[in-house]
Amino acid sequence: MNHILEDIYKRLAFEHETYIPEYLFSKDYLGRNRSYFSYLKSSGKSVSASSLIFLWTKLNTQKNVFQDAYNRAVKNGEKSSWRTLAMQERYELYQDLSDRAYQAITTYHQ
């Protein structure tokens, strides 16, 4: 299960506009204290169900933000601008990541 979490973190950390340190991923994406993600990696313990749900909610919210921004830009005739294309890329990233988090939730075993 933690391999999915690590994959999501790596894609966020390195495909995001700015680098996201592990401690911010723990707080902002897992809803835990700053050392939670490091603890999971070093201990081999499984991520909690509540953290997976928090992660999915955060990723899904981000996906919706970029989808709405993209739709507004297209509606305003900006379909081929670099900004609109960047929003579409972000939407696709968060769509993929939220799908992976949802899959992790549906296959969760404690």
N, C-alpha and C. Protein backbone atom coordinates (compact mmCIF):
# COMPACT_ATOMS: atom_id res chain seq x y z
N MET A 1 0.83 -1.20 0.00
CA MET A 1 0.00 0.00 0.00
C MET A 1 0.87 1.26 0.00
N ASN A 2 1.96 1.23 0.77
CA ASN A 2 2.80 2.42 0.87
C ASN A 2 3.50 2.74 -0.45
N HIS A 3 3.66 1.74 -1.32
CA HIS A 3 4.28 2.03 -2.61
C HIS A 3 3.40 2.98 -3.44
N ILE A 4 2.09 2.83 -3.31
CA ILE A 4 1.18 3.75 -4.00
C ILE A 4 1.35 5.16 -3.44
N LEU A 5 1.46 5.25 -2.12
CA LEU A 5 1.66 6.53 -1.46
C LEU A 5 2.97 7.18 -1.92
N GLU A 6 4.02 6.40 -1.99
CA GLU A 6 5.31 6.92 -2.43
C GLU A 6 5.25 7.36 -3.89
N ASP A 7 4.56 6.60 -4.73
CA ASP A 7 4.42 6.99 -6.13
C ASP A 7 3.67 8.32 -6.26
N ILE A 8 2.59 8.46 -5.50
CA ILE A 8 1.82 9.70 -5.53
C ILE A 8 2.69 10.86 -5.06
N TYR A 9 3.42 10.66 -3.98
CA TYR A 9 4.31 11.72 -3.48
C TYR A 9 5.34 12.12 -4.54
N LYS A 10 5.98 11.15 -5.15
CA LYS A 10 7.02 11.45 -6.14
C LYS A 10 6.46 12.23 -7.32
N ARG A 11 5.30 11.84 -7.78
CA ARG A 11 4.71 12.59 -8.90
C ARG A 11 4.33 13.99 -8.49
N LEU A 12 3.78 14.15 -7.30
CA LEU A 12 3.45 15.49 -6.82
C LEU A 12 4.70 16.32 -6.61
N ALA A 13 5.69 15.73 -5.98
CA ALA A 13 6.90 16.46 -5.63
C ALA A 13 7.68 16.92 -6.86
N PHE A 14 7.67 16.11 -7.91
CA PHE A 14 8.52 16.42 -9.04
C PHE A 14 7.78 16.91 -10.27
N GLU A 15 6.48 16.78 -10.33
CA GLU A 15 5.71 17.29 -11.45
C GLU A 15 4.94 18.54 -11.08
N HIS A 16 4.99 18.90 -9.84
CA HIS A 16 4.32 20.10 -9.35
C HIS A 16 5.17 21.30 -9.72
N GLU A 17 4.59 22.47 -9.73
CA GLU A 17 5.35 23.67 -10.09
C GLU A 17 6.48 23.96 -9.11
N THR A 18 6.29 23.60 -7.87
CA THR A 18 7.33 23.77 -6.87
C THR A 18 7.49 22.48 -6.11
N TYR A 19 8.69 22.21 -5.65
CA TYR A 19 8.99 21.00 -4.91
C TYR A 19 8.18 20.95 -3.62
N ILE A 20 7.63 19.79 -3.30
CA ILE A 20 6.87 19.61 -2.06
C ILE A 20 7.70 18.71 -1.15
N PRO A 21 8.21 19.23 -0.04
CA PRO A 21 8.96 18.38 0.88
C PRO A 21 8.05 17.36 1.55
N GLU A 22 8.65 16.29 2.04
CA GLU A 22 7.89 15.22 2.67
C GLU A 22 7.06 15.71 3.85
N TYR A 23 7.61 16.64 4.62
CA TYR A 23 6.85 17.09 5.79
C TYR A 23 5.58 17.83 5.39
N LEU A 24 5.62 18.56 4.26
CA LEU A 24 4.39 19.22 3.79
C LEU A 24 3.41 18.21 3.21
N PHE A 25 3.92 17.18 2.57
CA PHE A 25 3.06 16.11 2.08
C PHE A 25 2.33 15.46 3.25
N SER A 26 3.05 15.22 4.34
CA SER A 26 2.44 14.63 5.54
C SER A 26 1.31 15.50 6.07
N LYS A 27 1.57 16.79 6.15
CA LYS A 27 0.58 17.72 6.72
C LYS A 27 -0.55 18.03 5.74
N ASP A 28 -0.19 18.44 4.53
CA ASP A 28 -1.18 18.96 3.60
C ASP A 28 -1.94 17.90 2.82
N TYR A 29 -1.32 16.76 2.59
CA TYR A 29 -1.96 15.73 1.78
C TYR A 29 -2.40 14.50 2.57
N LEU A 30 -1.79 14.27 3.72
CA LEU A 30 -2.18 13.11 4.54
C LEU A 30 -2.91 13.51 5.81
N GLY A 31 -2.89 14.81 6.12
CA GLY A 31 -3.61 15.29 7.29
C GLY A 31 -2.99 14.86 8.61
N ARG A 32 -1.71 14.66 8.61
CA ARG A 32 -1.00 14.19 9.81
C ARG A 32 0.12 15.14 10.19
N ASN A 33 0.89 14.75 11.22
CA ASN A 33 2.01 15.59 11.62
C ASN A 33 3.12 15.50 10.58
N ARG A 34 4.08 16.37 10.69
CA ARG A 34 5.10 16.54 9.67
C ARG A 34 6.01 15.32 9.47
N SER A 35 6.07 14.43 10.42
CA SER A 35 6.96 13.27 10.28
C SER A 35 6.23 11.98 9.89
N TYR A 36 4.94 12.05 9.66
CA TYR A 36 4.14 10.84 9.40
C TYR A 36 4.63 10.06 8.18
N PHE A 37 4.84 10.73 7.07
CA PHE A 37 5.26 10.05 5.85
C PHE A 37 6.64 9.41 6.05
N SER A 38 7.56 10.12 6.68
CA SER A 38 8.88 9.56 6.96
C SER A 38 8.77 8.35 7.88
N TYR A 39 7.90 8.43 8.87
CA TYR A 39 7.67 7.32 9.78
C TYR A 39 7.18 6.08 9.02
N LEU A 40 6.23 6.27 8.12
CA LEU A 40 5.70 5.15 7.34
C LEU A 40 6.80 4.50 6.51
N LYS A 41 7.62 5.32 5.90
CA LYS A 41 8.69 4.79 5.06
C LYS A 41 9.73 4.03 5.88
N SER A 42 10.11 4.57 7.02
CA SER A 42 11.17 3.94 7.81
C SER A 42 10.69 2.72 8.60
N SER A 43 9.43 2.73 9.00
CA SER A 43 8.91 1.63 9.83
C SER A 43 8.28 0.50 9.03
N GLY A 44 7.89 0.81 7.79
CA GLY A 44 7.18 -0.19 7.00
C GLY A 44 5.72 -0.33 7.38
N LYS A 45 5.25 0.52 8.28
CA LYS A 45 3.84 0.48 8.69
C LYS A 45 2.97 0.96 7.52
N SER A 46 1.72 0.52 7.54
CA SER A 46 0.77 0.92 6.50
C SER A 46 0.13 2.26 6.82
N VAL A 47 -0.16 2.98 5.78
CA VAL A 47 -0.85 4.26 5.92
C VAL A 47 -2.25 4.00 6.48
N SER A 48 -2.75 4.92 7.27
CA SER A 48 -4.08 4.76 7.86
C SER A 48 -5.16 5.03 6.81
N ALA A 49 -6.32 4.44 7.05
CA ALA A 49 -7.46 4.65 6.15
C ALA A 49 -7.86 6.13 6.14
N SER A 50 -7.82 6.77 7.29
CA SER A 50 -8.21 8.19 7.34
C SER A 50 -7.24 9.06 6.54
N SER A 51 -5.97 8.69 6.53
CA SER A 51 -5.00 9.46 5.73
C SER A 51 -5.22 9.24 4.23
N LEU A 52 -5.59 8.04 3.85
CA LEU A 52 -5.91 7.78 2.44
C LEU A 52 -7.12 8.58 2.00
N ILE A 53 -8.12 8.64 2.86
CA ILE A 53 -9.32 9.42 2.53
C ILE A 53 -8.98 10.90 2.45
N PHE A 54 -8.16 11.38 3.38
CA PHE A 54 -7.73 12.77 3.36
C PHE A 54 -6.97 13.06 2.06
N LEU A 55 -6.08 12.14 1.68
CA LEU A 55 -5.30 12.30 0.44
C LEU A 55 -6.22 12.35 -0.77
N TRP A 56 -7.15 11.42 -0.86
CA TRP A 56 -8.07 11.41 -1.99
C TRP A 56 -8.89 12.70 -2.06
N THR A 57 -9.37 13.15 -0.92
CA THR A 57 -10.16 14.38 -0.88
C THR A 57 -9.34 15.57 -1.37
N LYS A 58 -8.11 15.68 -0.92
CA LYS A 58 -7.23 16.79 -1.32
C LYS A 58 -6.95 16.73 -2.83
N LEU A 59 -6.60 15.56 -3.32
CA LEU A 59 -6.29 15.41 -4.74
C LEU A 59 -7.52 15.66 -5.60
N ASN A 60 -8.66 15.17 -5.18
CA ASN A 60 -9.90 15.37 -5.92
C ASN A 60 -10.29 16.85 -5.95
N THR A 61 -10.09 17.53 -4.84
CA THR A 61 -10.37 18.97 -4.78
C THR A 61 -9.47 19.73 -5.75
N GLN A 62 -8.18 19.39 -5.76
CA GLN A 62 -7.23 20.04 -6.68
C GLN A 62 -7.62 19.75 -8.13
N LYS A 63 -8.02 18.52 -8.41
CA LYS A 63 -8.46 18.16 -9.75
C LYS A 63 -9.62 19.05 -10.18
N ASN A 64 -10.59 19.23 -9.30
CA ASN A 64 -11.76 20.05 -9.62
C ASN A 64 -11.40 21.51 -9.83
N VAL A 65 -10.45 22.01 -9.06
CA VAL A 65 -10.01 23.40 -9.22
C VAL A 65 -9.43 23.60 -10.62
N PHE A 66 -8.56 22.70 -11.04
CA PHE A 66 -7.94 22.84 -12.36
C PHE A 66 -8.93 22.57 -13.48
N GLN A 67 -9.86 21.68 -13.27
CA GLN A 67 -10.89 21.42 -14.29
C GLN A 67 -11.76 22.66 -14.47
N ASP A 68 -12.18 23.27 -13.38
CA ASP A 68 -13.00 24.48 -13.46
C ASP A 68 -12.24 25.62 -14.14
N ALA A 69 -10.98 25.80 -13.78
CA ALA A 69 -10.17 26.86 -14.38
C ALA A 69 -9.99 26.61 -15.88
N TYR A 70 -9.74 25.38 -16.24
CA TYR A 70 -9.60 25.02 -17.66
C TYR A 70 -10.89 25.30 -18.41
N ASN A 71 -12.02 24.87 -17.86
CA ASN A 71 -13.32 25.09 -18.52
C ASN A 71 -13.62 26.57 -18.69
N ARG A 72 -13.30 27.38 -17.68
CA ARG A 72 -13.51 28.82 -17.80
C ARG A 72 -12.64 29.42 -18.90
N ALA A 73 -11.40 28.99 -18.97
CA ALA A 73 -10.48 29.51 -19.99
C ALA A 73 -10.95 29.14 -21.40
N VAL A 74 -11.39 27.90 -21.57
CA VAL A 74 -11.89 27.47 -22.88
C VAL A 74 -13.14 28.26 -23.24
N LYS A 75 -14.00 28.47 -22.27
CA LYS A 75 -15.23 29.25 -22.51
C LYS A 75 -14.90 30.68 -22.93
N ASN A 76 -13.79 31.21 -22.42
CA ASN A 76 -13.36 32.57 -22.75
C ASN A 76 -12.51 32.63 -24.01
N GLY A 77 -12.40 31.52 -24.73
CA GLY A 77 -11.68 31.50 -25.99
C GLY A 77 -10.17 31.35 -25.87
N GLU A 78 -9.69 30.85 -24.76
CA GLU A 78 -8.25 30.72 -24.54
C GLU A 78 -7.77 29.28 -24.66
N LYS A 79 -8.40 28.48 -25.51
CA LYS A 79 -8.12 27.04 -25.54
C LYS A 79 -6.66 26.69 -25.82
N SER A 80 -5.99 27.46 -26.65
CA SER A 80 -4.62 27.09 -27.02
C SER A 80 -3.54 27.91 -26.31
N SER A 81 -3.90 28.69 -25.32
CA SER A 81 -2.87 29.46 -24.61
C SER A 81 -2.04 28.54 -23.72
N TRP A 82 -0.83 28.95 -23.43
CA TRP A 82 0.06 28.13 -22.59
C TRP A 82 -0.55 27.93 -21.21
N ARG A 83 -1.24 28.95 -20.71
CA ARG A 83 -1.85 28.86 -19.38
C ARG A 83 -2.95 27.80 -19.35
N THR A 84 -3.76 27.77 -20.39
CA THR A 84 -4.83 26.79 -20.48
C THR A 84 -4.27 25.38 -20.61
N LEU A 85 -3.24 25.24 -21.41
CA LEU A 85 -2.61 23.92 -21.56
C LEU A 85 -1.99 23.45 -20.25
N ALA A 86 -1.41 24.38 -19.49
CA ALA A 86 -0.84 24.02 -18.18
C ALA A 86 -1.95 23.58 -17.22
N MET A 87 -3.09 24.26 -17.27
CA MET A 87 -4.22 23.85 -16.42
C MET A 87 -4.72 22.47 -16.79
N GLN A 88 -4.74 22.18 -18.08
CA GLN A 88 -5.17 20.86 -18.53
C GLN A 88 -4.19 19.79 -18.04
N GLU A 89 -2.89 20.07 -18.12
CA GLU A 89 -1.89 19.12 -17.62
C GLU A 89 -2.05 18.88 -16.13
N ARG A 90 -2.28 19.94 -15.37
CA ARG A 90 -2.48 19.80 -13.93
C ARG A 90 -3.74 19.01 -13.62
N TYR A 91 -4.80 19.29 -14.37
CA TYR A 91 -6.03 18.53 -14.19
C TYR A 91 -5.77 17.05 -14.42
N GLU A 92 -5.08 16.71 -15.50
CA GLU A 92 -4.79 15.31 -15.80
C GLU A 92 -3.92 14.66 -14.73
N LEU A 93 -2.95 15.41 -14.21
CA LEU A 93 -2.12 14.89 -13.13
C LEU A 93 -2.96 14.57 -11.90
N TYR A 94 -3.76 15.53 -11.46
CA TYR A 94 -4.57 15.32 -10.27
C TYR A 94 -5.67 14.28 -10.49
N GLN A 95 -6.17 14.16 -11.71
CA GLN A 95 -7.15 13.12 -12.03
C GLN A 95 -6.51 11.75 -11.83
N ASP A 96 -5.33 11.57 -12.39
CA ASP A 96 -4.63 10.30 -12.27
C ASP A 96 -4.30 9.98 -10.81
N LEU A 97 -3.80 10.97 -10.09
CA LEU A 97 -3.42 10.75 -8.69
C LEU A 97 -4.63 10.49 -7.81
N SER A 98 -5.73 11.20 -8.05
CA SER A 98 -6.93 10.97 -7.23
C SER A 98 -7.51 9.58 -7.54
N ASP A 99 -7.42 9.14 -8.78
CA ASP A 99 -7.86 7.78 -9.12
C ASP A 99 -7.03 6.73 -8.40
N ARG A 100 -5.73 6.96 -8.32
CA ARG A 100 -4.86 6.01 -7.62
C ARG A 100 -5.15 5.99 -6.12
N ALA A 101 -5.39 7.16 -5.55
CA ALA A 101 -5.73 7.22 -4.12
C ALA A 101 -7.07 6.53 -3.87
N TYR A 102 -8.02 6.73 -4.75
CA TYR A 102 -9.32 6.07 -4.58
C TYR A 102 -9.16 4.55 -4.68
N GLN A 103 -8.35 4.08 -5.61
CA GLN A 103 -8.08 2.66 -5.73
C GLN A 103 -7.47 2.11 -4.44
N ALA A 104 -6.56 2.88 -3.85
CA ALA A 104 -5.94 2.46 -2.58
C ALA A 104 -6.99 2.36 -1.48
N ILE A 105 -7.94 3.27 -1.46
CA ILE A 105 -9.00 3.23 -0.45
C ILE A 105 -9.87 1.99 -0.64
N THR A 106 -10.23 1.70 -1.88
CA THR A 106 -11.13 0.58 -2.12
C THR A 106 -10.48 -0.77 -1.88
N THR A 107 -9.16 -0.82 -1.89
CA THR A 107 -8.46 -2.09 -1.64
C THR A 107 -7.78 -2.11 -0.28
N TYR A 108 -8.13 -1.17 0.58
CA TYR A 108 -7.47 -1.03 1.89
C TYR A 108 -7.79 -2.22 2.79
N HIS A 109 -6.74 -2.77 3.41
CA HIS A 109 -6.88 -3.83 4.41
C HIS A 109 -5.99 -3.47 5.58
N GLN A 110 -6.54 -3.43 6.75
CA GLN A 110 -5.74 -3.11 7.94
C GLN A 110 -5.14 -4.37 8.50
